[in-house]
N, C-alpha and C. Protein backbone atom coordinates (compact mmCIF):
# COMPACT_ATOMS: atom_id res chain seq x y z
N MET A 1 31.04 -23.82 -1.06
CA MET A 1 30.29 -24.46 -0.12
C MET A 1 31.10 -26.30 -0.16
N GLY A 2 31.73 -26.63 0.81
CA GLY A 2 32.21 -27.90 0.69
C GLY A 2 31.38 -28.66 0.47
N LYS A 3 31.79 -29.88 0.59
CA LYS A 3 31.33 -31.20 0.36
C LYS A 3 30.33 -31.63 1.10
N VAL A 4 28.54 -32.40 1.11
CA VAL A 4 27.53 -32.42 1.65
C VAL A 4 27.27 -34.06 1.14
N THR A 5 27.17 -35.00 2.29
CA THR A 5 26.55 -36.17 2.44
C THR A 5 26.20 -35.89 2.86
N ALA A 6 24.89 -36.68 2.40
CA ALA A 6 23.33 -37.14 3.31
C ALA A 6 23.42 -38.54 3.74
N VAL A 7 22.91 -38.59 5.09
CA VAL A 7 23.46 -40.06 5.59
C VAL A 7 21.85 -40.17 6.30
N VAL A 8 21.76 -41.71 5.17
CA VAL A 8 19.97 -42.07 5.17
C VAL A 8 20.12 -43.37 5.53
N GLY A 9 18.89 -43.32 7.59
CA GLY A 9 19.01 -44.15 7.95
C GLY A 9 17.25 -44.76 7.46
N VAL A 10 17.42 -45.50 6.76
CA VAL A 10 16.49 -46.32 6.45
C VAL A 10 15.66 -47.63 7.55
N GLY A 11 13.98 -47.98 7.51
CA GLY A 11 13.32 -48.47 8.16
C GLY A 11 13.83 -48.48 9.29
N GLY A 12 14.32 -49.70 10.85
CA GLY A 12 14.21 -49.24 11.66
C GLY A 12 15.56 -49.58 12.48
N MET A 13 16.07 -50.84 11.52
CA MET A 13 17.55 -50.49 11.64
C MET A 13 18.59 -49.77 11.85
N GLY A 14 18.29 -48.48 10.28
CA GLY A 14 18.76 -47.89 9.14
C GLY A 14 18.84 -46.31 10.25
N THR A 15 17.70 -46.57 11.03
CA THR A 15 16.99 -45.03 11.98
C THR A 15 18.39 -45.39 13.48
N THR A 16 18.18 -46.70 14.02
CA THR A 16 18.84 -46.68 15.44
C THR A 16 20.20 -46.53 14.41
N VAL A 17 20.75 -47.01 13.59
CA VAL A 17 22.59 -47.00 13.39
C VAL A 17 23.06 -44.88 12.99
N LEU A 18 21.80 -44.75 12.69
CA LEU A 18 21.97 -43.12 12.11
C LEU A 18 21.85 -42.79 13.79
N GLU A 19 21.43 -43.00 14.65
CA GLU A 19 20.93 -42.48 15.40
C GLU A 19 22.28 -42.02 16.93
N VAL A 20 23.26 -43.13 16.50
CA VAL A 20 24.40 -43.71 16.77
C VAL A 20 25.07 -43.22 16.18
N PHE A 21 24.92 -43.12 14.55
CA PHE A 21 26.54 -42.25 14.28
C PHE A 21 26.15 -40.89 13.45
N THR A 22 24.81 -40.20 14.48
CA THR A 22 24.78 -39.02 14.83
C THR A 22 25.27 -38.37 16.28
N GLN A 23 25.44 -39.67 17.53
CA GLN A 23 26.19 -39.15 18.68
C GLN A 23 26.57 -39.48 18.54
N LYS A 24 27.87 -39.91 17.48
CA LYS A 24 29.77 -40.31 17.72
C LYS A 24 30.11 -39.56 17.50
N PHE A 25 29.74 -40.06 15.88
CA PHE A 25 30.71 -39.51 14.89
C PHE A 25 30.59 -38.49 13.37
N ALA A 26 29.36 -37.76 14.21
CA ALA A 26 28.75 -36.75 13.22
C ALA A 26 29.98 -36.25 12.98
N LYS A 27 30.28 -35.30 14.46
CA LYS A 27 31.52 -34.37 14.55
C LYS A 27 32.56 -33.87 13.88
N GLU A 28 32.99 -36.00 14.36
CA GLU A 28 34.29 -35.87 13.88
C GLU A 28 34.53 -35.94 12.38
N VAL A 29 33.05 -36.26 11.93
CA VAL A 29 33.20 -36.03 10.00
C VAL A 29 33.54 -34.90 9.62
N ALA A 30 32.45 -33.93 10.51
CA ALA A 30 32.44 -32.67 10.57
C ALA A 30 33.91 -31.49 10.41
N ALA A 31 34.13 -32.11 11.41
CA ALA A 31 35.32 -31.23 11.80
C ALA A 31 36.64 -32.12 10.24
N SER A 32 35.89 -33.46 9.47
CA SER A 32 37.79 -33.29 8.84
C SER A 32 36.61 -32.12 7.29
N GLY A 33 35.86 -31.84 7.20
CA GLY A 33 35.71 -30.53 6.12
C GLY A 33 34.44 -30.83 5.56
N THR A 34 33.49 -32.44 5.21
CA THR A 34 32.31 -32.59 4.91
C THR A 34 30.75 -32.30 5.98
N SER A 35 29.92 -31.93 5.51
CA SER A 35 28.89 -31.24 6.21
C SER A 35 28.13 -32.56 5.47
N VAL A 36 27.20 -33.06 6.95
CA VAL A 36 26.25 -33.62 6.78
C VAL A 36 24.62 -33.90 7.13
N ARG A 37 24.15 -33.79 6.39
CA ARG A 37 22.51 -34.51 6.15
C ARG A 37 21.92 -35.21 6.63
N THR A 38 21.26 -35.68 8.04
CA THR A 38 21.03 -36.41 8.30
C THR A 38 19.54 -36.81 7.68
N MET A 39 19.27 -37.85 7.42
CA MET A 39 17.19 -37.93 7.16
C MET A 39 17.11 -39.84 7.66
N VAL A 40 15.32 -39.46 8.19
CA VAL A 40 15.04 -41.19 8.49
C VAL A 40 14.10 -41.22 6.96
N VAL A 41 14.17 -42.47 6.91
CA VAL A 41 12.65 -42.66 5.97
C VAL A 41 12.59 -43.93 6.84
N ASN A 42 11.66 -43.89 6.72
CA ASN A 42 10.66 -44.91 7.53
C ASN A 42 9.08 -45.18 7.70
N ARG A 43 8.04 -46.39 7.78
CA ARG A 43 7.28 -45.57 8.22
C ARG A 43 6.69 -45.22 9.75
N PRO A 44 5.15 -45.16 9.72
CA PRO A 44 5.20 -43.62 11.08
C PRO A 44 5.79 -44.43 12.60
N GLN A 45 6.22 -44.91 12.73
CA GLN A 45 6.24 -45.76 13.84
C GLN A 45 7.36 -44.73 14.95
N ASP A 46 7.45 -45.45 15.97
CA ASP A 46 7.91 -44.90 17.21
C ASP A 46 9.61 -44.61 17.26
N SER A 47 10.04 -44.80 16.20
CA SER A 47 11.36 -44.78 16.21
C SER A 47 11.59 -43.86 15.43
N LEU A 48 10.80 -43.20 14.37
CA LEU A 48 10.38 -42.33 13.23
C LEU A 48 10.96 -41.10 13.94
N ASP A 49 9.44 -40.92 14.95
CA ASP A 49 9.08 -39.80 15.97
C ASP A 49 10.28 -39.65 16.58
N GLN A 50 11.18 -39.95 17.16
CA GLN A 50 11.76 -40.11 18.11
C GLN A 50 12.92 -39.96 17.31
N ALA A 51 13.36 -40.04 16.18
CA ALA A 51 14.51 -40.03 15.53
C ALA A 51 14.71 -38.81 15.89
N GLN A 52 16.25 -38.22 15.37
CA GLN A 52 16.88 -36.66 15.46
C GLN A 52 17.41 -36.43 14.31
N ALA A 53 17.19 -36.87 13.23
CA ALA A 53 17.51 -36.70 12.23
C ALA A 53 16.89 -35.22 11.39
N GLN A 54 17.87 -35.02 10.53
CA GLN A 54 17.10 -33.47 10.34
C GLN A 54 15.79 -33.17 9.28
N GLU A 55 16.10 -34.47 8.12
CA GLU A 55 14.80 -34.98 7.22
C GLU A 55 14.60 -36.10 7.86
N LYS A 56 12.55 -36.46 8.63
CA LYS A 56 12.37 -37.21 8.70
C LYS A 56 10.82 -37.16 7.04
N ILE A 57 11.40 -38.34 6.65
CA ILE A 57 10.09 -38.32 5.36
C ILE A 57 9.42 -40.44 6.25
N ALA A 58 7.95 -39.65 6.26
CA ALA A 58 7.20 -40.54 6.64
C ALA A 58 6.33 -41.62 5.21
N LEU A 59 6.76 -42.82 5.61
CA LEU A 59 6.35 -43.85 3.99
C LEU A 59 5.50 -44.13 4.29
N THR A 60 3.99 -42.88 4.05
CA THR A 60 2.48 -43.32 3.97
C THR A 60 1.64 -43.09 3.30
N CYS A 61 0.11 -43.37 3.73
CA CYS A 61 -0.78 -43.15 2.61
C CYS A 61 -1.76 -43.67 3.10
N PRO A 62 -3.09 -42.99 3.02
CA PRO A 62 -4.71 -43.08 3.53
C PRO A 62 -4.55 -44.37 3.58
N ASP A 63 -4.57 -45.61 2.16
CA ASP A 63 -4.76 -46.71 1.83
C ASP A 63 -3.61 -47.83 2.88
N ILE A 64 -2.86 -47.44 3.39
CA ILE A 64 -2.17 -48.35 4.75
C ILE A 64 -2.28 -48.40 5.64
N GLU A 65 -2.65 -47.40 6.55
CA GLU A 65 -2.36 -46.71 7.74
C GLU A 65 -3.45 -47.89 8.61
N GLY A 66 -2.34 -48.15 9.35
CA GLY A 66 -3.08 -49.14 10.57
C GLY A 66 -2.83 -50.26 9.71
N VAL A 67 -2.07 -50.53 8.28
CA VAL A 67 -2.74 -52.17 7.97
C VAL A 67 -0.85 -52.48 8.36
N SER A 68 -1.09 -54.18 8.87
CA SER A 68 0.65 -54.54 9.13
C SER A 68 1.31 -54.90 7.57
N GLU A 69 0.88 -55.43 6.73
CA GLU A 69 1.00 -56.33 5.70
C GLU A 69 0.18 -55.33 4.31
N VAL A 70 1.77 -55.01 4.21
CA VAL A 70 1.48 -53.83 2.54
C VAL A 70 1.80 -54.88 1.19
N ASP A 71 0.62 -55.75 0.30
CA ASP A 71 1.28 -56.23 -0.90
C ASP A 71 2.49 -55.36 -2.00
N ASP A 72 3.24 -56.23 -2.63
CA ASP A 72 4.43 -55.01 -3.12
C ASP A 72 4.21 -54.36 -4.28
N ASP A 73 2.60 -54.54 -4.98
CA ASP A 73 2.46 -52.85 -5.63
C ASP A 73 2.14 -52.34 -4.76
N GLN A 74 1.13 -52.00 -4.79
CA GLN A 74 0.63 -51.13 -2.82
C GLN A 74 2.00 -50.00 -2.16
N TRP A 75 3.35 -51.10 -1.95
CA TRP A 75 4.42 -50.55 -1.43
C TRP A 75 4.64 -49.96 -2.50
N GLN A 76 5.12 -50.53 -3.60
CA GLN A 76 5.75 -49.39 -4.95
C GLN A 76 5.40 -47.87 -5.11
N GLU A 77 3.96 -47.96 -5.17
CA GLU A 77 2.66 -46.73 -5.19
C GLU A 77 3.55 -46.06 -3.61
N VAL A 78 3.23 -46.33 -2.77
CA VAL A 78 4.11 -45.52 -1.65
C VAL A 78 5.10 -44.88 -1.68
N LEU A 79 6.21 -45.77 -2.73
CA LEU A 79 7.58 -44.61 -2.92
C LEU A 79 7.09 -44.22 -3.64
N ASN A 80 6.54 -44.28 -4.85
CA ASN A 80 6.88 -43.71 -5.55
C ASN A 80 6.41 -42.28 -4.90
N LEU A 81 4.79 -42.28 -4.09
CA LEU A 81 4.40 -41.04 -4.02
C LEU A 81 5.40 -40.08 -3.29
N HIS A 82 6.56 -40.65 -2.56
CA HIS A 82 7.54 -40.03 -1.57
C HIS A 82 8.43 -39.39 -2.68
N ALA A 83 8.84 -39.90 -3.59
CA ALA A 83 9.58 -40.51 -4.94
C ALA A 83 10.45 -38.35 -5.19
N GLY A 84 9.90 -37.80 -4.85
CA GLY A 84 9.52 -36.11 -4.81
C GLY A 84 10.50 -35.71 -3.39
N GLN A 85 9.75 -35.97 -2.52
CA GLN A 85 10.13 -35.50 -1.15
C GLN A 85 11.64 -36.16 -0.87
N ILE A 86 11.81 -37.39 -1.24
CA ILE A 86 13.56 -37.23 -1.52
C ILE A 86 14.56 -37.23 -1.84
N ARG A 87 14.34 -36.98 -3.09
CA ARG A 87 14.62 -36.61 -4.75
C ARG A 87 14.85 -34.55 -3.94
N LYS A 88 14.46 -33.94 -3.53
CA LYS A 88 14.06 -32.71 -2.67
C LYS A 88 15.21 -32.81 -1.56
N ALA A 89 15.23 -34.02 -0.60
CA ALA A 89 16.19 -33.96 0.61
C ALA A 89 17.71 -34.12 -0.09
N LEU A 90 18.07 -35.05 -1.10
CA LEU A 90 19.46 -35.07 -1.11
C LEU A 90 19.12 -34.00 -2.08
N ASP A 91 18.82 -33.29 -2.71
CA ASP A 91 18.94 -32.10 -3.37
C ASP A 91 20.19 -31.75 -3.19
N GLY A 92 21.37 -30.68 -3.97
CA GLY A 92 22.80 -30.51 -3.49
C GLY A 92 23.65 -30.96 -1.99
N THR A 93 23.15 -32.97 -2.38
CA THR A 93 24.75 -33.63 -1.96
C THR A 93 25.33 -33.84 -2.68
N SER A 94 26.14 -34.16 -2.80
CA SER A 94 27.99 -35.28 -3.32
C SER A 94 27.94 -36.16 -3.20
N ALA A 95 27.02 -36.80 -1.95
CA ALA A 95 27.43 -38.33 -1.67
C ALA A 95 26.20 -38.60 -1.06
N VAL A 96 25.68 -39.91 -0.98
CA VAL A 96 25.10 -40.33 -0.08
C VAL A 96 25.21 -41.85 0.37
N VAL A 97 24.95 -41.95 1.79
CA VAL A 97 25.19 -42.81 1.97
C VAL A 97 23.83 -44.20 2.76
N VAL A 98 23.62 -44.72 2.41
CA VAL A 98 22.47 -45.39 2.53
C VAL A 98 22.44 -46.89 3.83
N LEU A 99 21.92 -46.44 5.35
CA LEU A 99 22.16 -47.42 6.44
C LEU A 99 20.68 -48.46 5.95
N ALA A 100 20.79 -49.70 6.11
CA ALA A 100 19.34 -50.20 6.21
C ALA A 100 20.43 -51.64 6.70
N GLY A 101 18.78 -52.39 7.20
CA GLY A 101 18.56 -53.46 7.21
C GLY A 101 18.14 -55.13 6.22
N MET A 102 19.03 -55.85 5.87
CA MET A 102 17.80 -56.64 4.53
C MET A 102 17.43 -57.70 4.49
N GLY A 103 16.04 -57.89 4.26
CA GLY A 103 15.35 -59.18 4.85
C GLY A 103 14.44 -58.40 5.39
N GLY A 104 14.04 -57.30 6.30
CA GLY A 104 13.12 -56.66 6.76
C GLY A 104 12.29 -55.77 5.51
N PHE A 105 11.22 -55.57 6.34
CA PHE A 105 9.73 -54.86 5.32
C PHE A 105 10.18 -53.99 4.33
N THR A 106 10.70 -52.70 5.83
CA THR A 106 11.32 -51.21 4.73
C THR A 106 12.47 -50.96 4.01
N GLY A 107 12.91 -51.29 5.52
CA GLY A 107 14.61 -51.96 4.62
C GLY A 107 14.81 -52.32 3.32
N SER A 108 14.50 -52.97 3.25
CA SER A 108 14.34 -54.38 1.33
C SER A 108 14.28 -53.54 0.56
N SER A 109 13.13 -52.78 0.54
CA SER A 109 12.30 -52.41 -0.61
C SER A 109 12.97 -50.79 -0.64
N ALA A 110 13.03 -49.43 0.44
CA ALA A 110 13.27 -48.01 0.24
C ALA A 110 14.86 -48.21 0.56
N ALA A 111 15.32 -48.56 0.55
CA ALA A 111 16.84 -48.20 0.27
C ALA A 111 16.89 -48.56 -0.65
N PRO A 112 17.31 -49.23 -1.77
CA PRO A 112 17.76 -49.80 -3.11
C PRO A 112 16.99 -48.39 -3.65
N PHE A 113 14.71 -47.88 -3.33
CA PHE A 113 15.05 -47.26 -3.89
C PHE A 113 15.29 -45.81 -3.93
N VAL A 114 15.74 -45.07 -2.94
CA VAL A 114 16.85 -44.13 -1.73
C VAL A 114 18.08 -43.93 -2.95
N ALA A 115 19.01 -45.24 -2.37
CA ALA A 115 20.56 -45.23 -4.10
C ALA A 115 19.50 -44.86 -4.30
N GLU A 116 18.69 -45.12 -5.49
CA GLU A 116 17.92 -44.99 -6.92
C GLU A 116 18.35 -43.74 -7.03
N ILE A 117 17.84 -42.78 -5.75
CA ILE A 117 17.70 -41.84 -6.85
C ILE A 117 18.66 -40.81 -6.42
N GLY A 118 19.48 -41.29 -5.53
CA GLY A 118 20.89 -41.09 -5.45
C GLY A 118 21.60 -41.00 -6.65
N LYS A 119 21.36 -42.25 -7.37
CA LYS A 119 21.90 -42.18 -8.83
C LYS A 119 21.46 -41.51 -9.59
N GLU A 120 20.36 -41.31 -9.98
CA GLU A 120 19.28 -39.82 -10.14
C GLU A 120 20.35 -38.90 -10.54
N LEU A 121 20.45 -38.16 -9.42
CA LEU A 121 21.06 -37.42 -8.68
C LEU A 121 21.96 -37.06 -9.23
N GLY A 122 23.13 -38.36 -9.50
CA GLY A 122 24.64 -38.27 -10.08
C GLY A 122 25.77 -38.25 -9.36
N VAL A 123 25.19 -38.51 -7.51
CA VAL A 123 26.04 -38.71 -6.87
C VAL A 123 26.83 -40.04 -6.73
N LYS A 124 28.00 -39.59 -5.21
CA LYS A 124 28.24 -40.77 -4.79
C LYS A 124 27.28 -41.72 -4.90
N VAL A 125 27.04 -42.91 -4.40
CA VAL A 125 26.29 -42.94 -4.03
C VAL A 125 26.96 -45.03 -3.02
N SER A 126 27.52 -45.10 -1.48
CA SER A 126 27.52 -46.39 -1.14
C SER A 126 26.31 -46.16 0.04
N ALA A 127 26.55 -47.43 0.60
CA ALA A 127 25.73 -48.09 2.07
C ALA A 127 25.76 -48.42 2.93
N VAL A 128 25.85 -48.85 4.16
CA VAL A 128 26.35 -49.37 4.91
C VAL A 128 24.49 -50.56 5.39
N VAL A 129 24.97 -52.07 5.33
CA VAL A 129 23.74 -52.84 5.40
C VAL A 129 24.26 -54.15 6.08
N THR A 130 23.05 -54.87 6.42
CA THR A 130 23.32 -55.37 7.34
C THR A 130 22.42 -57.16 6.64
N MET A 131 22.70 -58.24 6.58
CA MET A 131 22.23 -59.47 6.39
C MET A 131 21.35 -60.22 7.78
N PRO A 132 20.32 -61.15 7.53
CA PRO A 132 19.58 -61.41 9.01
C PRO A 132 20.36 -62.20 9.61
N ILE A 133 20.13 -62.68 10.31
CA ILE A 133 21.28 -63.60 10.97
C ILE A 133 20.49 -65.49 10.63
N PRO A 134 20.54 -66.59 10.41
CA PRO A 134 21.10 -67.72 10.15
C PRO A 134 19.66 -68.19 10.58
N PHE A 135 19.11 -67.62 12.03
CA PHE A 135 17.44 -68.19 12.87
C PHE A 135 16.78 -67.71 11.98
N GLU A 136 16.90 -66.33 11.48
CA GLU A 136 16.14 -65.70 10.87
C GLU A 136 14.76 -66.17 10.11
N GLY A 137 15.69 -67.14 9.45
CA GLY A 137 14.60 -68.10 8.74
C GLY A 137 15.08 -67.96 6.94
N GLU A 138 14.77 -68.93 5.96
CA GLU A 138 14.99 -69.28 4.83
C GLU A 138 14.05 -67.64 3.89
N LYS A 139 12.86 -67.79 4.12
CA LYS A 139 11.65 -66.70 3.74
C LYS A 139 12.65 -65.26 3.70
N ARG A 140 13.23 -64.92 4.94
CA ARG A 140 13.97 -64.14 5.20
C ARG A 140 15.02 -63.66 4.85
N ALA A 141 16.28 -64.42 4.35
CA ALA A 141 17.36 -64.39 4.03
C ALA A 141 17.14 -64.32 2.89
N GLN A 142 16.12 -65.15 1.53
CA GLN A 142 15.68 -64.96 0.55
C GLN A 142 15.71 -63.40 0.09
N LYS A 143 14.73 -62.88 0.88
CA LYS A 143 14.36 -61.30 0.56
C LYS A 143 15.63 -60.91 0.58
N ALA A 144 16.16 -60.34 1.76
CA ALA A 144 17.34 -60.04 2.05
C ALA A 144 18.30 -60.21 0.39
N ALA A 145 18.97 -61.01 0.17
CA ALA A 145 19.56 -61.46 -1.02
C ALA A 145 18.76 -60.69 -2.29
N ALA A 146 17.36 -60.63 -2.52
CA ALA A 146 16.67 -60.18 -3.57
C ALA A 146 16.90 -58.29 -3.12
N ALA A 147 17.28 -58.12 -1.93
CA ALA A 147 16.76 -56.65 -1.95
C ALA A 147 18.55 -56.21 -1.99
N GLN A 148 19.79 -57.02 -1.58
CA GLN A 148 20.29 -56.89 -2.06
C GLN A 148 21.31 -56.55 -3.45
N ALA A 149 20.89 -57.46 -4.11
CA ALA A 149 21.36 -57.86 -5.66
C ALA A 149 20.77 -56.24 -5.95
N GLU A 150 19.00 -55.94 -5.73
CA GLU A 150 18.74 -54.89 -5.68
C GLU A 150 19.83 -53.47 -5.83
N LEU A 151 19.82 -52.89 -4.83
CA LEU A 151 20.61 -52.35 -4.00
C LEU A 151 22.12 -52.23 -5.16
N ALA A 152 22.46 -53.64 -4.84
CA ALA A 152 23.78 -53.52 -5.62
C ALA A 152 23.63 -52.90 -7.70
N LYS A 153 22.86 -52.12 -7.63
CA LYS A 153 22.75 -51.85 -9.41
C LYS A 153 22.19 -50.54 -9.33
N PHE A 154 22.23 -49.70 -8.25
CA PHE A 154 23.02 -47.67 -7.63
C PHE A 154 23.70 -48.07 -6.84
N VAL A 155 24.39 -48.67 -5.77
CA VAL A 155 24.80 -48.24 -5.52
C VAL A 155 27.64 -48.42 -5.93
N ASP A 156 27.87 -47.65 -5.21
CA ASP A 156 29.49 -47.22 -6.02
C ASP A 156 30.14 -48.20 -5.44
N GLN A 157 29.79 -48.53 -3.91
CA GLN A 157 30.05 -49.48 -2.99
C GLN A 157 29.45 -49.52 -1.42
N VAL A 158 28.88 -50.28 -0.98
CA VAL A 158 29.03 -51.39 -0.11
C VAL A 158 29.55 -52.28 0.77
N VAL A 159 28.72 -51.97 2.08
CA VAL A 159 30.20 -52.52 2.36
C VAL A 159 28.81 -52.87 3.54
N THR A 160 28.88 -54.88 3.81
CA THR A 160 27.28 -55.45 4.07
C THR A 160 28.18 -56.36 4.80
N VAL A 161 27.47 -56.44 6.20
CA VAL A 161 28.01 -57.68 7.75
C VAL A 161 26.61 -58.39 7.40
N SER A 162 27.37 -59.69 7.09
CA SER A 162 26.36 -60.54 7.66
C SER A 162 25.80 -61.60 8.43
N GLY A 163 24.88 -61.73 8.60
CA GLY A 163 24.43 -62.17 9.98
C GLY A 163 25.11 -63.30 10.68
N GLU A 164 26.02 -64.21 10.06
CA GLU A 164 26.95 -65.09 11.07
C GLU A 164 28.32 -63.19 11.73
N GLU A 165 28.60 -62.60 10.97
CA GLU A 165 29.43 -61.71 11.62
C GLU A 165 28.97 -60.99 13.44
N LEU A 166 27.42 -60.63 12.67
CA LEU A 166 26.36 -60.26 13.93
C LEU A 166 26.38 -60.75 15.33
N LEU A 167 26.31 -62.39 14.63
CA LEU A 167 26.68 -62.95 15.76
C LEU A 167 27.62 -63.72 16.55
N ALA A 168 28.81 -63.01 15.14
CA ALA A 168 30.38 -63.78 16.43
C ALA A 168 30.10 -62.56 17.11
N LYS A 169 30.15 -60.75 16.26
CA LYS A 169 30.09 -59.44 17.06
C LYS A 169 29.38 -59.91 18.64
N ALA A 170 28.13 -60.81 18.82
CA ALA A 170 27.57 -60.63 20.01
C ALA A 170 27.96 -60.63 20.91
N ASP A 171 28.25 -60.29 22.00
CA ASP A 171 29.37 -60.64 23.17
C ASP A 171 27.99 -61.44 23.99
N MET A 172 28.41 -62.72 24.50
CA MET A 172 27.43 -63.71 24.74
C MET A 172 27.54 -63.87 26.49
N ASP A 173 28.15 -63.24 26.71
CA ASP A 173 28.49 -62.40 28.33
C ASP A 173 27.23 -60.92 27.98
N ALA A 174 27.20 -60.11 27.50
CA ALA A 174 26.53 -59.24 27.53
C ALA A 174 25.01 -59.52 27.36
N SER A 175 24.70 -58.31 27.84
CA SER A 175 23.04 -58.30 27.60
C SER A 175 22.75 -58.11 25.95
N LEU A 176 21.37 -58.30 25.99
CA LEU A 176 20.99 -58.36 24.52
C LEU A 176 21.08 -56.95 24.11
N ASP A 177 20.68 -56.18 24.90
CA ASP A 177 21.23 -54.28 24.30
C ASP A 177 22.32 -53.99 24.45
N GLN A 178 23.11 -54.12 24.99
CA GLN A 178 24.59 -53.96 24.70
C GLN A 178 25.19 -55.46 23.38
N ALA A 179 24.48 -55.63 23.80
CA ALA A 179 25.10 -56.03 22.29
C ALA A 179 24.75 -55.79 21.02
N TYR A 180 23.82 -55.37 20.97
CA TYR A 180 23.38 -54.75 19.80
C TYR A 180 23.76 -53.20 19.51
N GLY A 181 23.77 -52.76 20.62
CA GLY A 181 24.53 -51.20 21.00
C GLY A 181 26.46 -51.16 20.71
N LYS A 182 26.72 -52.44 20.38
CA LYS A 182 28.15 -52.29 19.69
C LYS A 182 28.14 -52.73 18.71
N ILE A 183 27.37 -53.03 18.23
CA ILE A 183 27.02 -54.04 16.70
C ILE A 183 26.61 -52.36 15.96
N ASP A 184 25.78 -51.99 16.49
CA ASP A 184 25.25 -50.36 15.96
C ASP A 184 26.32 -49.92 15.66
N GLU A 185 27.44 -49.62 16.87
CA GLU A 185 28.29 -48.48 16.96
C GLU A 185 29.45 -48.66 15.51
N GLU A 186 29.61 -50.53 15.50
CA GLU A 186 30.59 -50.51 14.48
C GLU A 186 29.93 -50.06 12.68
N LEU A 187 28.98 -50.62 12.88
CA LEU A 187 28.33 -50.23 11.38
C LEU A 187 28.30 -48.14 11.66
N ALA A 188 28.14 -47.59 12.29
CA ALA A 188 28.37 -46.18 12.32
C ALA A 188 29.66 -45.85 12.10
N ALA A 189 30.36 -46.57 12.53
CA ALA A 189 31.66 -46.09 12.08
C ALA A 189 32.04 -46.49 10.94
N LYS A 190 31.58 -47.46 10.10
CA LYS A 190 31.50 -48.24 9.10
C LYS A 190 31.34 -46.82 8.19
N ALA A 191 29.99 -46.58 8.21
CA ALA A 191 29.65 -45.07 8.07
C ALA A 191 30.39 -44.14 7.61
N ALA A 192 30.85 -43.65 9.24
CA ALA A 192 31.75 -42.63 9.20
C ALA A 192 33.21 -42.38 7.60
N GLU A 193 33.17 -44.35 8.25
CA GLU A 193 34.81 -43.94 6.96
C GLU A 193 34.24 -44.00 6.03
N LEU A 194 32.83 -44.02 5.17
CA LEU A 194 32.76 -44.12 3.42
C LEU A 194 32.56 -42.72 4.00
N ILE A 195 32.41 -41.88 4.61
CA ILE A 195 32.08 -40.16 3.85
C ILE A 195 33.65 -39.51 3.96
N GLU A 196 34.36 -39.88 4.64
CA GLU A 196 35.29 -39.70 5.11
C GLU A 196 36.15 -39.90 3.71
N ALA A 197 35.84 -40.98 3.16
CA ALA A 197 36.81 -41.37 2.03
C ALA A 197 36.28 -40.90 0.60
N ALA A 198 34.31 -40.36 0.48
CA ALA A 198 34.59 -39.74 -0.41
C ALA A 198 34.95 -38.53 -0.91
């Protein structure tokens, strides 16, 4: 059996980029001799239900069903509850690539958690992450910085796209969907590059 890389979309942004990766880059990566295992880790919502990933892990428990805001201790319990499921999904891989947006709720907490499990399994862990756009506010920026620092403890390599870079890439003449689509494709391409370099 050749190399197996798990590509894990975490949270809403990670799930979206994983979809683009699957549609546009997975075959190309497979042709280079690396098997790809796609996986989504997210709170139950439409993006998780509609995801085409091979493995879907819904971060939930009865205590937080229907709750939009969950405190950090509660959320850590939810993550711990799913650690075994995540570990099982990553078992047998030779590398893990985590895709996530920093600053949001799920990506900020679950991306470092997934990376830590990959590191515990002894595989190479890389990540492609985005930081908030400046006008999203200081609170989100601080949360993103803390999440990025936590993620850095567990990854061998991380590609970080700043909010300023995201703004610079957005075509002001294009629709919002087109602009985000272009950015998602660039992020997915970066994930493919990390896999091929592993």
